[in-house]
Amino acid sequence: MLYQYYLQWTEHGMTHPASSPATALARADRLCRSRGARLTPQRRRVYELVLHAGEPVTAYELLRMLAEDGGNPAPPTVYRALDFLQAHGLVHRLASQQRFVACGHPEDGAHGGVFLVCARCGHALEWNDERVARAVARSAREAGFRLGGDVLPEVEGLCPECRDD
């Protein structure tokens, strides 16, 4: 359902990870190699699980999914993988939900948009608009505030499906 939802919104500046999880994984492999980084089997599996989830997931949900693979992973394993994936722009952390979601355009490096988060179903859409990024940066500068890392603002509301219910 969420994947179809992503596709409906691509016309409006929203993005989705890729046309398929396999395409996103191949893109992640190329991106990491081009940066001299190593997408280890564990990192790749965590990324694959985030992609297949199709919606924001917590680290502990990922841990449970990894355990279903037959292993006994420890929380630091998942957190280290997520740190790597975030550092390379493959996933974003939704601070308000303590969840992770795949990035729709990891090759861009800089992310200048917001996440639109549905208050009812929890779906999150990455909306990229450089005008938003410039406005946030300008407002922060004017307030004497220095922006940190790759943090995308989150805006809560209702997605079209929940709004129409």
N, C-alpha and C. Protein backbone atom coordinates (compact mmCIF):
# COMPACT_ATOMS: atom_id res chain seq x y z
N MET A 1 0.82 -1.20 0.00
CA MET A 1 0.00 0.00 0.00
C MET A 1 0.86 1.26 0.00
N LEU A 2 1.85 1.32 0.88
CA LEU A 2 2.67 2.53 0.96
C LEU A 2 3.43 2.76 -0.32
N TYR A 3 3.94 1.68 -0.95
CA TYR A 3 4.69 1.85 -2.18
C TYR A 3 3.82 2.51 -3.24
N GLN A 4 2.57 2.07 -3.37
CA GLN A 4 1.65 2.71 -4.31
C GLN A 4 1.42 4.16 -3.92
N TYR A 5 1.34 4.40 -2.63
CA TYR A 5 1.16 5.76 -2.13
C TYR A 5 2.33 6.64 -2.54
N TYR A 6 3.55 6.10 -2.41
CA TYR A 6 4.73 6.84 -2.86
C TYR A 6 4.62 7.19 -4.33
N LEU A 7 4.23 6.21 -5.14
CA LEU A 7 4.15 6.44 -6.57
C LEU A 7 3.14 7.52 -6.91
N GLN A 8 2.05 7.58 -6.19
CA GLN A 8 1.04 8.60 -6.45
C GLN A 8 1.60 10.00 -6.20
N TRP A 9 2.53 10.11 -5.27
CA TRP A 9 3.01 11.42 -4.88
C TRP A 9 4.27 11.88 -5.60
N THR A 10 4.87 11.03 -6.45
CA THR A 10 6.10 11.44 -7.12
C THR A 10 5.86 12.63 -8.02
N GLU A 11 4.66 12.77 -8.54
CA GLU A 11 4.34 13.90 -9.41
C GLU A 11 4.34 15.22 -8.65
N HIS A 12 4.25 15.17 -7.35
CA HIS A 12 4.14 16.38 -6.54
C HIS A 12 5.41 16.68 -5.76
N GLY A 13 6.55 16.15 -6.24
CA GLY A 13 7.81 16.42 -5.58
C GLY A 13 8.16 15.43 -4.49
N MET A 14 7.30 14.47 -4.23
CA MET A 14 7.60 13.45 -3.23
C MET A 14 8.50 12.42 -3.88
N THR A 15 9.29 11.73 -3.07
CA THR A 15 10.18 10.73 -3.64
C THR A 15 9.99 9.39 -2.95
N HIS A 16 10.39 8.37 -3.65
CA HIS A 16 10.38 7.02 -3.10
C HIS A 16 11.76 6.43 -3.34
N PRO A 17 12.15 5.39 -2.60
CA PRO A 17 13.51 4.89 -2.69
C PRO A 17 13.95 4.46 -4.08
N ALA A 18 13.16 3.81 -4.83
CA ALA A 18 13.53 3.38 -6.18
C ALA A 18 12.35 2.65 -6.78
N SER A 19 12.49 2.25 -8.05
CA SER A 19 11.39 1.54 -8.67
C SER A 19 11.20 0.17 -8.03
N SER A 20 12.23 -0.37 -7.40
CA SER A 20 12.11 -1.64 -6.69
C SER A 20 13.21 -1.71 -5.64
N PRO A 21 13.04 -2.55 -4.62
CA PRO A 21 14.11 -2.74 -3.64
C PRO A 21 15.42 -3.22 -4.29
N ALA A 22 15.31 -4.08 -5.31
CA ALA A 22 16.52 -4.57 -5.99
C ALA A 22 17.28 -3.43 -6.66
N THR A 23 16.55 -2.51 -7.26
CA THR A 23 17.17 -1.34 -7.89
C THR A 23 17.84 -0.48 -6.84
N ALA A 24 17.17 -0.28 -5.70
CA ALA A 24 17.73 0.54 -4.63
C ALA A 24 18.99 -0.10 -4.05
N LEU A 25 18.99 -1.42 -3.90
CA LEU A 25 20.16 -2.12 -3.39
C LEU A 25 21.34 -2.01 -4.35
N ALA A 26 21.08 -2.16 -5.64
CA ALA A 26 22.15 -2.02 -6.64
C ALA A 26 22.71 -0.60 -6.62
N ARG A 27 21.82 0.37 -6.49
CA ARG A 27 22.25 1.78 -6.43
C ARG A 27 23.09 2.02 -5.17
N ALA A 28 22.69 1.43 -4.05
CA ALA A 28 23.44 1.58 -2.80
C ALA A 28 24.83 0.95 -2.94
N ASP A 29 24.92 -0.21 -3.58
CA ASP A 29 26.21 -0.85 -3.80
C ASP A 29 27.12 0.07 -4.62
N ARG A 30 26.60 0.61 -5.72
CA ARG A 30 27.40 1.51 -6.58
C ARG A 30 27.82 2.76 -5.81
N LEU A 31 26.89 3.33 -5.06
CA LEU A 31 27.16 4.56 -4.32
C LEU A 31 28.26 4.33 -3.28
N CYS A 32 28.16 3.25 -2.53
CA CYS A 32 29.18 2.96 -1.51
C CYS A 32 30.54 2.72 -2.16
N ARG A 33 30.57 1.93 -3.23
CA ARG A 33 31.84 1.68 -3.91
C ARG A 33 32.46 2.98 -4.40
N SER A 34 31.64 3.87 -4.97
CA SER A 34 32.17 5.13 -5.50
C SER A 34 32.72 6.03 -4.39
N ARG A 35 32.27 5.82 -3.17
CA ARG A 35 32.73 6.62 -2.02
C ARG A 35 33.82 5.90 -1.23
N GLY A 36 34.21 4.73 -1.69
CA GLY A 36 35.23 3.96 -0.98
C GLY A 36 34.72 3.35 0.31
N ALA A 37 33.43 3.22 0.43
CA ALA A 37 32.80 2.64 1.62
C ALA A 37 32.38 1.20 1.31
N ARG A 38 32.23 0.43 2.35
CA ARG A 38 31.88 -0.98 2.18
C ARG A 38 30.48 -1.27 2.70
N LEU A 39 29.62 -1.70 1.80
CA LEU A 39 28.27 -2.12 2.18
C LEU A 39 28.37 -3.60 2.54
N THR A 40 28.69 -3.86 3.80
CA THR A 40 28.88 -5.23 4.27
C THR A 40 27.57 -6.00 4.17
N PRO A 41 27.63 -7.32 4.25
CA PRO A 41 26.38 -8.09 4.21
C PRO A 41 25.38 -7.66 5.29
N GLN A 42 25.89 -7.34 6.49
CA GLN A 42 24.98 -6.92 7.58
C GLN A 42 24.33 -5.57 7.26
N ARG A 43 25.10 -4.62 6.79
CA ARG A 43 24.57 -3.30 6.43
C ARG A 43 23.58 -3.43 5.29
N ARG A 44 23.95 -4.24 4.31
CA ARG A 44 23.08 -4.46 3.15
C ARG A 44 21.75 -5.07 3.60
N ARG A 45 21.80 -6.04 4.51
CA ARG A 45 20.57 -6.70 4.98
C ARG A 45 19.68 -5.72 5.73
N VAL A 46 20.28 -4.88 6.57
CA VAL A 46 19.48 -3.88 7.30
C VAL A 46 18.84 -2.93 6.30
N TYR A 47 19.60 -2.47 5.30
CA TYR A 47 19.04 -1.58 4.28
C TYR A 47 17.91 -2.27 3.52
N GLU A 48 18.12 -3.53 3.18
CA GLU A 48 17.10 -4.30 2.47
C GLU A 48 15.82 -4.39 3.30
N LEU A 49 15.95 -4.60 4.61
CA LEU A 49 14.78 -4.68 5.47
C LEU A 49 14.05 -3.34 5.54
N VAL A 50 14.79 -2.24 5.59
CA VAL A 50 14.16 -0.91 5.59
C VAL A 50 13.39 -0.72 4.29
N LEU A 51 14.01 -1.09 3.17
CA LEU A 51 13.34 -0.95 1.87
C LEU A 51 12.07 -1.79 1.79
N HIS A 52 12.18 -3.04 2.22
CA HIS A 52 11.03 -3.95 2.13
C HIS A 52 9.92 -3.58 3.10
N ALA A 53 10.26 -2.91 4.19
CA ALA A 53 9.23 -2.51 5.16
C ALA A 53 8.23 -1.58 4.49
N GLY A 54 8.72 -0.71 3.60
CA GLY A 54 7.82 0.19 2.88
C GLY A 54 7.24 1.30 3.74
N GLU A 55 7.64 1.37 4.99
CA GLU A 55 7.17 2.40 5.90
C GLU A 55 8.25 2.60 6.96
N PRO A 56 8.19 3.67 7.71
CA PRO A 56 9.21 3.89 8.73
C PRO A 56 9.24 2.74 9.75
N VAL A 57 10.47 2.29 10.10
CA VAL A 57 10.64 1.18 11.03
C VAL A 57 11.60 1.57 12.15
N THR A 58 11.40 0.99 13.32
CA THR A 58 12.30 1.24 14.44
C THR A 58 13.49 0.28 14.36
N ALA A 59 14.53 0.61 15.09
CA ALA A 59 15.70 -0.26 15.16
C ALA A 59 15.32 -1.61 15.76
N TYR A 60 14.42 -1.61 16.72
CA TYR A 60 14.03 -2.88 17.34
C TYR A 60 13.15 -3.73 16.42
N GLU A 61 12.38 -3.09 15.55
CA GLU A 61 11.65 -3.86 14.54
C GLU A 61 12.64 -4.51 13.58
N LEU A 62 13.69 -3.76 13.22
CA LEU A 62 14.72 -4.32 12.35
C LEU A 62 15.45 -5.47 13.04
N LEU A 63 15.70 -5.31 14.31
CA LEU A 63 16.36 -6.35 15.10
C LEU A 63 15.52 -7.63 15.09
N ARG A 64 14.22 -7.48 15.28
CA ARG A 64 13.32 -8.65 15.24
C ARG A 64 13.34 -9.30 13.86
N MET A 65 13.34 -8.47 12.81
CA MET A 65 13.38 -9.02 11.44
C MET A 65 14.68 -9.77 11.18
N LEU A 66 15.79 -9.24 11.69
CA LEU A 66 17.08 -9.92 11.53
C LEU A 66 17.08 -11.26 12.27
N ALA A 67 16.45 -11.28 13.44
CA ALA A 67 16.37 -12.52 14.22
C ALA A 67 15.57 -13.57 13.46
N GLU A 68 14.58 -13.13 12.68
CA GLU A 68 13.78 -14.07 11.88
C GLU A 68 14.62 -14.72 10.79
N ASP A 69 15.76 -14.08 10.44
CA ASP A 69 16.68 -14.68 9.46
C ASP A 69 17.42 -15.86 10.05
N GLY A 70 17.31 -16.05 11.37
CA GLY A 70 17.95 -17.18 12.01
C GLY A 70 19.14 -16.82 12.88
N GLY A 71 19.49 -15.57 12.96
CA GLY A 71 20.62 -15.17 13.79
C GLY A 71 20.17 -14.70 15.15
N ASN A 72 21.12 -14.18 15.91
CA ASN A 72 20.84 -13.61 17.21
C ASN A 72 21.55 -12.26 17.31
N PRO A 73 21.12 -11.30 16.49
CA PRO A 73 21.82 -10.02 16.45
C PRO A 73 21.59 -9.19 17.72
N ALA A 74 22.59 -8.41 18.07
CA ALA A 74 22.50 -7.52 19.23
C ALA A 74 22.12 -6.12 18.76
N PRO A 75 21.47 -5.34 19.61
CA PRO A 75 21.08 -3.98 19.21
C PRO A 75 22.23 -3.14 18.64
N PRO A 76 23.45 -3.18 19.19
CA PRO A 76 24.51 -2.36 18.61
C PRO A 76 24.79 -2.68 17.13
N THR A 77 24.56 -3.93 16.75
CA THR A 77 24.76 -4.34 15.36
C THR A 77 23.83 -3.54 14.45
N VAL A 78 22.58 -3.46 14.82
CA VAL A 78 21.59 -2.73 14.01
C VAL A 78 21.90 -1.23 14.04
N TYR A 79 22.20 -0.70 15.21
CA TYR A 79 22.48 0.73 15.31
C TYR A 79 23.72 1.12 14.52
N ARG A 80 24.76 0.28 14.52
CA ARG A 80 25.96 0.58 13.72
C ARG A 80 25.63 0.57 12.24
N ALA A 81 24.82 -0.40 11.81
CA ALA A 81 24.42 -0.46 10.40
C ALA A 81 23.61 0.78 10.03
N LEU A 82 22.68 1.17 10.90
CA LEU A 82 21.86 2.35 10.63
C LEU A 82 22.71 3.62 10.61
N ASP A 83 23.70 3.72 11.49
CA ASP A 83 24.61 4.87 11.48
C ASP A 83 25.34 4.96 10.14
N PHE A 84 25.82 3.83 9.65
CA PHE A 84 26.50 3.79 8.36
C PHE A 84 25.54 4.23 7.25
N LEU A 85 24.35 3.65 7.24
CA LEU A 85 23.38 3.96 6.19
C LEU A 85 22.98 5.43 6.21
N GLN A 86 22.85 6.00 7.41
CA GLN A 86 22.55 7.43 7.52
C GLN A 86 23.72 8.26 7.02
N ALA A 87 24.92 7.90 7.40
CA ALA A 87 26.11 8.65 7.00
C ALA A 87 26.26 8.71 5.49
N HIS A 88 25.77 7.69 4.82
CA HIS A 88 25.87 7.64 3.36
C HIS A 88 24.56 8.03 2.66
N GLY A 89 23.65 8.58 3.43
CA GLY A 89 22.41 9.12 2.85
C GLY A 89 21.45 8.08 2.33
N LEU A 90 21.59 6.83 2.77
CA LEU A 90 20.71 5.78 2.29
C LEU A 90 19.41 5.70 3.09
N VAL A 91 19.47 6.10 4.36
CA VAL A 91 18.27 6.15 5.19
C VAL A 91 18.24 7.47 5.95
N HIS A 92 17.07 7.84 6.36
CA HIS A 92 16.86 9.02 7.22
C HIS A 92 16.22 8.55 8.52
N ARG A 93 16.50 9.27 9.57
CA ARG A 93 15.87 9.00 10.86
C ARG A 93 14.77 10.01 11.07
N LEU A 94 13.57 9.54 11.33
CA LEU A 94 12.46 10.41 11.67
C LEU A 94 12.50 10.60 13.18
N ALA A 95 12.98 11.75 13.60
CA ALA A 95 13.19 11.99 15.03
C ALA A 95 11.89 11.88 15.83
N SER A 96 10.80 12.37 15.29
CA SER A 96 9.54 12.37 16.04
C SER A 96 9.03 10.97 16.32
N GLN A 97 9.39 10.03 15.48
CA GLN A 97 8.90 8.66 15.62
C GLN A 97 9.98 7.67 16.05
N GLN A 98 11.24 8.12 16.10
CA GLN A 98 12.36 7.20 16.38
C GLN A 98 12.34 6.04 15.38
N ARG A 99 12.10 6.38 14.11
CA ARG A 99 12.01 5.38 13.06
C ARG A 99 12.93 5.76 11.91
N PHE A 100 13.18 4.79 11.04
CA PHE A 100 14.07 4.98 9.91
C PHE A 100 13.32 4.70 8.63
N VAL A 101 13.67 5.45 7.58
CA VAL A 101 13.02 5.30 6.29
C VAL A 101 14.09 5.44 5.21
N ALA A 102 13.93 4.71 4.12
CA ALA A 102 14.88 4.77 3.02
C ALA A 102 14.81 6.13 2.33
N CYS A 103 15.97 6.62 1.91
CA CYS A 103 16.05 7.89 1.20
C CYS A 103 15.70 7.67 -0.27
N GLY A 104 14.99 8.60 -0.83
CA GLY A 104 14.59 8.50 -2.23
C GLY A 104 15.65 8.94 -3.22
N HIS A 105 16.70 9.59 -2.75
CA HIS A 105 17.73 10.10 -3.66
C HIS A 105 19.09 10.18 -2.97
N PRO A 106 19.65 9.04 -2.58
CA PRO A 106 20.90 9.05 -1.80
C PRO A 106 22.10 9.61 -2.56
N GLU A 107 22.07 9.57 -3.87
CA GLU A 107 23.21 10.05 -4.63
C GLU A 107 23.34 11.57 -4.61
N ASP A 108 22.32 12.27 -4.20
CA ASP A 108 22.36 13.74 -4.20
C ASP A 108 23.25 14.32 -3.11
N GLY A 109 23.48 13.59 -2.05
CA GLY A 109 24.33 14.10 -0.97
C GLY A 109 23.58 15.06 -0.08
N ALA A 110 23.31 16.26 -0.56
CA ALA A 110 22.59 17.24 0.25
C ALA A 110 21.09 16.98 0.13
N HIS A 111 20.40 17.08 1.24
CA HIS A 111 18.96 16.86 1.24
C HIS A 111 18.28 18.14 1.66
N GLY A 112 17.43 18.65 0.79
CA GLY A 112 16.78 19.92 1.08
C GLY A 112 15.29 19.82 1.01
N GLY A 113 14.70 19.17 1.94
CA GLY A 113 13.26 19.04 1.92
C GLY A 113 12.71 18.82 3.30
N VAL A 114 11.55 18.23 3.34
CA VAL A 114 10.89 17.93 4.60
C VAL A 114 10.25 16.55 4.48
N PHE A 115 9.92 15.98 5.63
CA PHE A 115 9.13 14.77 5.66
C PHE A 115 7.71 15.15 6.02
N LEU A 116 6.77 14.67 5.23
CA LEU A 116 5.36 14.83 5.54
C LEU A 116 4.95 13.53 6.22
N VAL A 117 4.56 13.62 7.49
CA VAL A 117 4.27 12.43 8.29
C VAL A 117 2.79 12.41 8.62
N CYS A 118 2.14 11.29 8.29
CA CYS A 118 0.72 11.16 8.58
C CYS A 118 0.52 10.86 10.06
N ALA A 119 -0.28 11.67 10.73
CA ALA A 119 -0.52 11.52 12.16
C ALA A 119 -1.36 10.28 12.46
N ARG A 120 -2.09 9.79 11.47
CA ARG A 120 -2.95 8.64 11.71
C ARG A 120 -2.26 7.31 11.39
N CYS A 121 -1.72 7.17 10.18
CA CYS A 121 -1.16 5.87 9.77
C CYS A 121 0.36 5.81 9.91
N GLY A 122 1.01 6.95 10.07
CA GLY A 122 2.45 6.98 10.27
C GLY A 122 3.29 6.98 9.01
N HIS A 123 2.67 6.93 7.86
CA HIS A 123 3.45 6.97 6.61
C HIS A 123 4.21 8.28 6.55
N ALA A 124 5.41 8.20 5.97
CA ALA A 124 6.25 9.39 5.83
C ALA A 124 6.69 9.53 4.39
N LEU A 125 6.55 10.72 3.87
CA LEU A 125 6.96 11.00 2.50
C LEU A 125 8.05 12.05 2.51
N GLU A 126 9.10 11.81 1.75
CA GLU A 126 10.19 12.75 1.64
C GLU A 126 9.87 13.71 0.50
N TRP A 127 9.69 14.97 0.84
CA TRP A 127 9.34 15.99 -0.15
C TRP A 127 10.53 16.91 -0.31
N ASN A 128 11.11 16.89 -1.49
CA ASN A 128 12.32 17.66 -1.75
C ASN A 128 12.00 18.92 -2.53
N ASP A 129 12.36 20.02 -1.94
CA ASP A 129 12.13 21.31 -2.57
C ASP A 129 13.24 22.24 -2.07
N GLU A 130 14.14 22.62 -2.95
CA GLU A 130 15.26 23.47 -2.57
C GLU A 130 14.80 24.80 -1.99
N ARG A 131 13.62 25.26 -2.37
CA ARG A 131 13.10 26.51 -1.79
C ARG A 131 12.90 26.36 -0.29
N VAL A 132 12.42 25.18 0.12
CA VAL A 132 12.22 24.92 1.55
C VAL A 132 13.58 24.92 2.26
N ALA A 133 14.55 24.23 1.68
CA ALA A 133 15.88 24.16 2.29
C ALA A 133 16.49 25.56 2.42
N ARG A 134 16.37 26.37 1.38
CA ARG A 134 16.92 27.73 1.45
C ARG A 134 16.21 28.57 2.49
N ALA A 135 14.89 28.42 2.59
CA ALA A 135 14.13 29.20 3.57
C ALA A 135 14.52 28.81 4.99
N VAL A 136 14.68 27.51 5.24
CA VAL A 136 15.08 27.06 6.58
C VAL A 136 16.47 27.57 6.90
N ALA A 137 17.40 27.45 5.95
CA ALA A 137 18.78 27.90 6.18
C ALA A 137 18.82 29.41 6.42
N ARG A 138 18.07 30.16 5.64
CA ARG A 138 18.03 31.62 5.80
C ARG A 138 17.46 32.01 7.15
N SER A 139 16.36 31.38 7.53
CA SER A 139 15.74 31.69 8.83
C SER A 139 16.67 31.33 9.97
N ALA A 140 17.36 30.22 9.86
CA ALA A 140 18.31 29.81 10.90
C ALA A 140 19.44 30.84 11.01
N ARG A 141 20.00 31.25 9.87
CA ARG A 141 21.07 32.25 9.87
C ARG A 141 20.61 33.54 10.52
N GLU A 142 19.43 34.00 10.13
CA GLU A 142 18.89 35.25 10.67
C GLU A 142 18.69 35.17 12.18
N ALA A 143 18.42 33.99 12.68
CA ALA A 143 18.23 33.80 14.12
C ALA A 143 19.55 33.53 14.83
N GLY A 144 20.65 33.50 14.06
CA GLY A 144 21.95 33.22 14.65
C GLY A 144 22.15 31.76 14.98
N PHE A 145 21.36 30.91 14.35
CA PHE A 145 21.37 29.48 14.62
C PHE A 145 22.18 28.77 13.56
N ARG A 146 23.08 27.88 13.95
CA ARG A 146 23.86 27.10 13.00
C ARG A 146 23.24 25.72 12.87
N LEU A 147 22.87 25.37 11.67
CA LEU A 147 22.25 24.06 11.42
C LEU A 147 23.28 22.96 11.53
N GLY A 148 22.85 21.82 12.05
CA GLY A 148 23.70 20.65 12.17
C GLY A 148 23.36 19.64 11.11
N GLY A 149 24.07 18.57 11.05
CA GLY A 149 23.92 17.42 10.17
C GLY A 149 22.76 17.39 9.21
N ASP A 150 22.47 16.19 8.76
CA ASP A 150 21.42 15.95 7.78
C ASP A 150 20.11 15.67 8.51
N VAL A 151 19.47 16.73 8.97
CA VAL A 151 18.20 16.57 9.66
C VAL A 151 17.13 17.23 8.81
N LEU A 152 16.13 16.46 8.43
CA LEU A 152 15.04 17.01 7.64
C LEU A 152 13.87 17.31 8.56
N PRO A 153 13.32 18.50 8.42
CA PRO A 153 12.15 18.83 9.25
C PRO A 153 10.99 17.87 8.96
N GLU A 154 10.18 17.67 9.97
CA GLU A 154 9.02 16.81 9.84
C GLU A 154 7.76 17.64 10.04
N VAL A 155 6.81 17.46 9.13
CA VAL A 155 5.54 18.16 9.21
C VAL A 155 4.46 17.11 9.35
N GLU A 156 3.66 17.24 10.40
CA GLU A 156 2.62 16.25 10.65
C GLU A 156 1.29 16.72 10.08
N GLY A 157 0.55 15.79 9.52
CA GLY A 157 -0.76 16.08 8.97
C GLY A 157 -1.45 14.76 8.64
N LEU A 158 -2.32 14.78 7.66
CA LEU A 158 -3.01 13.56 7.23
C LEU A 158 -2.72 13.30 5.77
N CYS A 159 -2.34 12.05 5.45
CA CYS A 159 -2.10 11.67 4.06
C CYS A 159 -3.45 11.62 3.32
N PRO A 160 -3.42 11.59 2.00
CA PRO A 160 -4.68 11.56 1.25
C PRO A 160 -5.61 10.41 1.64
N GLU A 161 -5.04 9.21 1.89
CA GLU A 161 -5.88 8.08 2.25
C GLU A 161 -6.59 8.29 3.57
N CYS A 162 -5.84 8.78 4.58
CA CYS A 162 -6.44 8.99 5.90
C CYS A 162 -7.37 10.21 5.89
N ARG A 163 -7.04 11.19 5.13
CA ARG A 163 -7.87 12.39 5.04
C ARG A 163 -9.24 12.07 4.45
N ASP A 164 -9.25 11.15 3.49
CA ASP A 164 -10.50 10.79 2.81
C ASP A 164 -11.35 9.81 3.60
N ASP A 165 -10.77 9.17 4.63
CA ASP A 165 -11.53 8.20 5.44
C ASP A 165 -12.51 8.88 6.35
